[in-house]
Amino acid sequence: MIKLIGAIIIIVATTWTGFEAARNFSDRPKQLRALRSALQSLEAEIMYSHTPLHEAARRLAAQLSKPLSLFFEAFGKKLTDTETTVKDAWETSLKEVWKSTALKQGEFEIMKQFGETLGRHDRFSQQKHIMLTLTHLEREESDAIDRQAKYEKMVKSLGFLSGLLLIILLF
């Protein structure tokens, strides 16, 4: 009886681990889509509403889900509460929130480069930088979708099968 309970616990634990590992593969494309949508909204705020950057960041934070909402919230707060440049506020907000996302280093570099141009140019140049960033993020999103299709199911199965292997080896 104790062996059966132990086997069930092992299977549940390894299967859960596999599903948690696979969640990163499904979260990454979702977060990239949300990030692209946020940048498109930022473009609209800059181009048509003439909204100040800190206010646009707060509006985006209200529209987005976590963890991206936390990024824009921190960015807007840094712009209003501290004496800092837009580039520094963007970069420190990125570093604070990045670990809680499913995004990779490539997306971090794209967003960091975008932050270096944010607020430095006129509206039309800023629009071009946003479009360039959106193109890069679109490429990363297609890569994320490919990886999700290739690896998500495999990682889930690997979790369950490693539990079975462990049970066979132990009992």
Protein backbone atom coordinates (compact mmCIF):
# COMPACT_ATOMS: atom_id res chain seq x y z
CA MET A 1 0.00 0.00 0.00
CA ILE A 2 2.80 2.43 0.88
CA LYS A 3 4.57 1.57 -2.40
CA LEU A 4 1.41 2.39 -4.35
CA ILE A 5 1.02 5.75 -2.59
CA GLY A 6 4.70 6.51 -3.20
CA ALA A 7 4.35 5.60 -6.88
CA ILE A 8 1.34 7.86 -7.24
CA ILE A 9 3.17 10.74 -5.58
CA ILE A 10 6.16 10.25 -7.91
CA ILE A 11 3.95 10.19 -11.01
CA VAL A 12 2.04 13.28 -9.91
CA ALA A 13 5.23 15.19 -9.04
CA THR A 14 7.08 14.41 -12.27
CA THR A 15 4.00 15.01 -14.43
CA TRP A 16 3.41 18.34 -12.70
CA THR A 17 7.06 19.26 -13.26
CA GLY A 18 6.70 18.44 -16.96
CA PHE A 19 3.58 20.58 -17.26
CA GLU A 20 5.27 23.49 -15.45
CA ALA A 21 8.26 23.27 -17.78
CA ALA A 22 5.92 23.16 -20.80
CA ARG A 23 4.06 26.23 -19.55
CA ASN A 24 7.02 28.43 -20.51
CA PHE A 25 6.63 27.23 -24.09
CA SER A 26 2.98 28.29 -24.16
CA ASP A 27 3.41 31.52 -22.16
CA ARG A 28 6.15 32.95 -24.36
CA PRO A 29 4.04 33.44 -27.53
CA LYS A 30 1.18 34.86 -25.46
CA GLN A 31 3.46 37.37 -23.76
CA LEU A 32 5.07 38.34 -27.07
CA ARG A 33 1.62 38.97 -28.56
CA ALA A 34 0.70 41.09 -25.55
CA LEU A 35 3.99 42.99 -25.80
CA ARG A 36 3.43 43.70 -29.48
CA SER A 37 -0.09 44.87 -28.72
CA ALA A 38 1.24 47.11 -25.95
CA LEU A 39 3.76 48.70 -28.29
CA GLN A 40 1.04 49.30 -30.87
CA SER A 41 -1.04 50.98 -28.17
CA LEU A 42 1.98 53.02 -27.15
CA GLU A 43 2.38 54.10 -30.75
CA ALA A 44 -1.25 55.23 -30.86
CA GLU A 45 -0.84 57.13 -27.59
CA ILE A 46 2.27 58.89 -28.91
CA MET A 47 1.06 59.60 -32.43
CA TYR A 48 -2.58 60.47 -32.02
CA SER A 49 -3.30 61.27 -28.39
CA HIS A 50 -0.05 63.15 -27.70
CA THR A 51 -0.09 61.53 -24.26
CA PRO A 52 2.95 62.05 -22.01
CA LEU A 53 5.05 58.91 -21.71
CA HIS A 54 4.39 58.32 -18.00
CA GLU A 55 0.63 58.57 -18.55
CA ALA A 56 0.78 56.25 -21.58
CA ALA A 57 2.71 53.71 -19.50
CA ARG A 58 0.07 53.84 -16.76
CA ARG A 59 -2.73 53.34 -19.28
CA LEU A 60 -0.91 50.36 -20.76
CA ALA A 61 -0.39 48.87 -17.30
CA ALA A 62 -4.14 49.05 -16.72
CA GLN A 63 -4.86 47.26 -20.02
CA LEU A 64 -2.30 44.45 -19.79
CA SER A 65 -2.12 41.34 -17.67
CA LYS A 66 0.78 40.44 -15.40
CA PRO A 67 3.80 40.38 -15.73
CA LEU A 68 3.81 42.96 -18.54
CA SER A 69 1.47 45.25 -16.62
CA LEU A 70 4.03 45.30 -13.80
CA PHE A 71 6.69 46.44 -16.26
CA PHE A 72 4.70 49.38 -17.59
CA GLU A 73 3.53 50.28 -14.10
CA ALA A 74 7.11 50.36 -12.81
CA PHE A 75 8.22 52.34 -15.86
CA GLY A 76 5.52 54.98 -15.39
CA LYS A 77 6.24 55.19 -11.67
CA LYS A 78 9.98 55.65 -12.25
CA LEU A 79 9.31 58.46 -14.73
CA THR A 80 7.17 60.41 -12.27
CA ASP A 81 8.72 59.59 -8.90
CA THR A 82 12.45 59.74 -9.63
CA GLU A 83 14.79 62.05 -11.46
CA THR A 84 15.92 59.70 -14.20
CA THR A 85 16.15 59.51 -17.94
CA VAL A 86 13.62 57.59 -20.01
CA LYS A 87 16.34 55.15 -21.05
CA ASP A 88 17.36 54.39 -17.46
CA ALA A 89 13.77 54.07 -16.25
CA TRP A 90 12.99 51.71 -19.14
CA GLU A 91 16.08 49.57 -18.56
CA THR A 92 15.70 49.26 -14.78
CA SER A 93 12.01 48.42 -15.15
CA LEU A 94 12.92 45.76 -17.71
CA LYS A 95 15.51 44.22 -15.41
CA GLU A 96 13.12 44.19 -12.45
CA VAL A 97 10.28 42.43 -14.24
CA TRP A 98 12.10 40.30 -16.82
CA LYS A 99 12.72 37.30 -14.56
CA SER A 100 9.00 36.86 -13.99
CA THR A 101 8.29 36.62 -17.73
CA ALA A 102 8.63 33.65 -20.07
CA LEU A 103 10.57 35.79 -22.53
CA LYS A 104 14.14 35.07 -23.61
CA GLN A 105 17.33 37.12 -23.83
CA GLY A 106 16.69 38.01 -27.49
CA GLU A 107 13.48 39.79 -26.59
CA PHE A 108 15.25 41.52 -23.71
CA GLU A 109 17.84 42.94 -26.11
CA ILE A 110 15.14 44.10 -28.54
CA MET A 111 13.26 45.87 -25.76
CA LYS A 112 16.45 47.34 -24.32
CA GLN A 113 17.40 48.78 -27.72
CA PHE A 114 13.90 50.20 -28.10
CA GLY A 115 14.20 51.85 -24.70
CA GLU A 116 17.36 53.61 -25.81
CA THR A 117 15.42 55.41 -28.55
CA LEU A 118 12.24 56.04 -26.57
CA GLY A 119 11.54 59.70 -25.96
CA ARG A 120 14.59 60.93 -27.88
CA HIS A 121 13.02 61.60 -31.25
CA ASP A 122 10.04 63.35 -32.74
CA ARG A 123 6.78 61.47 -33.10
CA PHE A 124 7.40 60.21 -36.63
CA SER A 125 10.89 58.92 -35.90
CA GLN A 126 9.52 57.31 -32.76
CA GLN A 127 6.85 55.62 -34.86
CA LYS A 128 9.56 54.17 -37.12
CA HIS A 129 11.41 52.79 -34.09
CA ILE A 130 8.21 51.23 -32.79
CA MET A 131 7.55 49.63 -36.17
CA LEU A 132 11.10 48.24 -36.27
CA THR A 133 10.71 46.83 -32.77
CA LEU A 134 7.36 45.29 -33.72
CA THR A 135 9.01 43.60 -36.70
CA HIS A 136 11.72 42.12 -34.48
CA LEU A 137 9.15 40.95 -31.92
CA GLU A 138 7.05 39.40 -34.69
CA ARG A 139 10.07 37.36 -35.76
CA GLU A 140 10.65 36.26 -32.17
CA GLU A 141 6.98 35.36 -31.83
CA SER A 142 7.09 33.09 -34.89
CA ASP A 143 10.18 31.43 -33.41
CA ALA A 144 8.35 30.99 -30.09
CA ILE A 145 5.36 29.41 -31.85
CA ASP A 146 7.67 27.00 -33.67
CA ARG A 147 9.37 26.04 -30.41
CA GLN A 148 6.03 25.58 -28.73
CA ALA A 149 4.85 23.23 -31.48
CA LYS A 150 8.09 21.23 -31.31
CA TYR A 151 8.74 20.96 -27.60
CA GLU A 152 5.64 21.56 -25.49
CA LYS A 153 4.07 18.12 -25.90
CA MET A 154 7.47 16.44 -25.63
CA VAL A 155 8.24 18.10 -22.28
CA LYS A 156 4.84 17.12 -20.87
CA SER A 157 5.35 13.52 -21.96
CA LEU A 158 8.90 13.52 -20.66
CA GLY A 159 7.68 14.50 -17.19
CA PHE A 160 5.22 11.62 -17.06
CA LEU A 161 7.62 9.09 -18.59
CA SER A 162 10.47 10.06 -16.26
CA GLY A 163 8.11 9.34 -13.37
CA LEU A 164 7.35 5.92 -14.78
CA LEU A 165 11.06 5.22 -15.23
CA LEU A 166 11.75 6.30 -11.67
CA ILE A 167 9.02 4.00 -10.35
CA ILE A 168 10.39 1.07 -12.35
CA LEU A 169 13.90 1.71 -11.06
CA LEU A 170 12.81 2.10 -7.44
CA PHE A 171 10.39 -0.79 -7.23
